[in-house]
Amino acid sequence: MRRTSGWIVRVLCLCASLTASAPNYPEDDELILDLMGEERTGAEPGAEPGAQLIRCNKALRLPHVHYIEEDSAIFAQSSPWNLQRLLQPEGGTSENSKYRPPNDGRNTEVYLMDGSVHSSHREVEGRVVITDFNSVPEEEGVRIHRQASRCSRHGTHIVGVVSGSDSGVAPGAGVKLVRVLDCQGRGTVSGVLAGLEYVRAELLPRPVGAVVVLLPLVGAFSRALNAACRDAVAYGAVVVAAAGNHRDDACLYSPASEPEVLQGFNSNTPDGYVHTPLTVIYFVLQVITIGAINSADQLMSQGAGGSNYGRCVDLFAPGDDIVSASSDCSTCFTSSSGTSQAAAHAAGIASVMLSSNQNMSPVQVLQMMLHHSIRNTIHFLSLSETHQLITPNLVAAMPSAYSSEAELLCRSVWSEMSRGEQVVSRCRLGEEMMSCSSYSPDGVPAGDTTTVNSRGMECVAHNGPEGKGVYAVARCCVIGGLQCQVHTSPTPGQEAECVGPQLHLSGCASRSSADFLSDSRPHHGDRKHCIVKDGSTSHAPSRHAPSRHAPSRHAPSRHAPSLECKVLEKISVDKDQVEVSCPTGWTLTDCKSISQGWALVGPGVTGNSCRFDRTTAAGITAGIAVCCHVRPPLH
């Protein structure tokens, strides 16, 4: 960075003089004490600028004061912590504290939905286009107009984080401003809907290339706004949204509330709803929701607020004390915090990814971001046990390079906790469900099943008769040329099996007619099947079946990726925890446990490992993981 002038907290009068050699002026002592008293008292909130001008005029009466200037911030000239964090543990190189991503994102276009932007700022000059779209509510009051830079304060800072030449994540990305916020940073749902429609209309006449839509804003839960974001993804845009600064569950806000939850949806009833809350259908929207952390890997705190959290957050990014462009002048910088800044980091990473491969789908961008993120470094001690369980402990990082080889990428999708009979989790469009599991905090689930209907494949978790709640956890994966299907055991107690050399068992699920959890475990070998106890219905991946998941390769070319899966098992007799991990280069697709009693609890999938804790003496326990990878094509 060259010149750095910064954010004005409040106006101060700086007396520029050579105080060490200044002569003593006893006659000015009374005036100086008067100014010091005013400084201690401070101006009242909302005081007119004229009051500050009067104080400065008083200072000018001092004979040793040559001039007065407004106070501003200065910064050390090194790559700021947030950009350095993106390079860990992999990413671009940092030479002489200079941030260097794999590319500058110049092949990507970012639509920023915000307020005004100081487009002539040295950080972004020539890369920001102010569109003719403007949908903001009527301004309240007139004082905000007395300082024009306030209108572009938020937008300028955000665009600097995305594509600033010194402060930006993707310093070559082009940005188009779609103005939906007024000078006070407020907008309306209808205004954002109109803005998203404007973006759609711009993209329709031409093939959608590398496009990111950034929404550094949040409001109350809105089904209409969530649906509009889904539509934006349908025409190829990667939509990134702020989780919100309310220190609350992100699922309560939009557009961060992804996925949307409908209580009691039933397509068999005339109005689509049942009138008893038996089922929760878990719809997954397409927004990538970003929470914020600080430099100490803690959730960003902002007064009484702070970063939102929960299962609707996809991952976190730096969002505290972020240095970026200031709207006060064309060379000014300032520091600001919030999930808007965190979302801007994610949008920059997405821009760099898309510049390397413009054919990546939105869900592939998400999976790549999750795959390269830093795991298990965030301190969630301030969250409840439930939110610690379902909030992803992932910090966004910049991939170092992009391989042209096919790679199996997977993530776990949690439903909300249901206290009714069952709960459902689904993968996003473009993902394949490789396995389904259930988790009950009190250890009393009744099993899990996978179903296929008009909405696609669903992971259904069943609550036990005495259970206090259950989660459905779908293992969702993405890779080209791969399709997952389901095989169900013909009768309770019989095995479900994958038949055929091109079919691979990726996971098992079972539900007992006796309303208690029955062990179902995958088994590879000559027969790829799920072993269950008597009275249980088992589900296994296969190719020609009406229900449950199995990846099968349909590409006729011999150069198509070939999936290979194996089962790993670890038996424990006296340890408090059993954990089995997939080796490097392999991806976890299913996680199961077997014990001699109700003694194992835990979320199961943890990164690329399968882990359970023993709560009581249960004799022999076992953790079982299904690991898959793509073998390179034969030439």
Foldseek 3Di string as FASTA:
>chain_A
DPDAWADAPDWDWDFDFDVVPDDDDVVCPVLVVVLVVDVVVDDDPPDDVVVVVVSNVSVVVPPRGDDTDTHTDDDDPAQDLQLVVQCPPHAADQDRRARDGLAQLQVEEEEEEWFDEPQLFQFRPPQEAEDPAAAFDDDDDDPLVVQVLLRHFVVHFLVQCPAGPRNHLRVNYHYYYHYAYGSVGDGDLVSVLVSLVVVVVVPVVDQDWHYEYEAADKDFDDPSQLVSQLVSLVSFYQYEYELDWAQEASCGMPPLNFPDKDFAADPVDPVRGDPDRAEIETGGGRYAYEFEDASQQEFAHDVNTTTHWFQSHLYYGHFAQRWGDGSNDSHYIYTHGGSSSRRSNLSNLSSVVCVQPRPDRNVNSSLVQQVPWDADRHDPVVDDPVRVANTGRTYGHHHHDDDPFWKKGKDKRKDPWDQHFKYKDDDDPQKAFQEKWKAAPVLWWQKWFWAQDPVGIIIMTGGAPPGRTMMMITIIIHTPQKYWFKFKAPDFQDKTWADDPQKAWQYKIKGAPVRTHWFWDFDDDPITIIHTHGRMMMMTIYDDHRTDTIIGGDDPDLQDWGKDKDKDKDKDFPDQKDKDFDDPQKAWNYKGKDFQDSFWHDPQDDGRMGMTGGHDRTGMMMIMTMIMITDGGDD
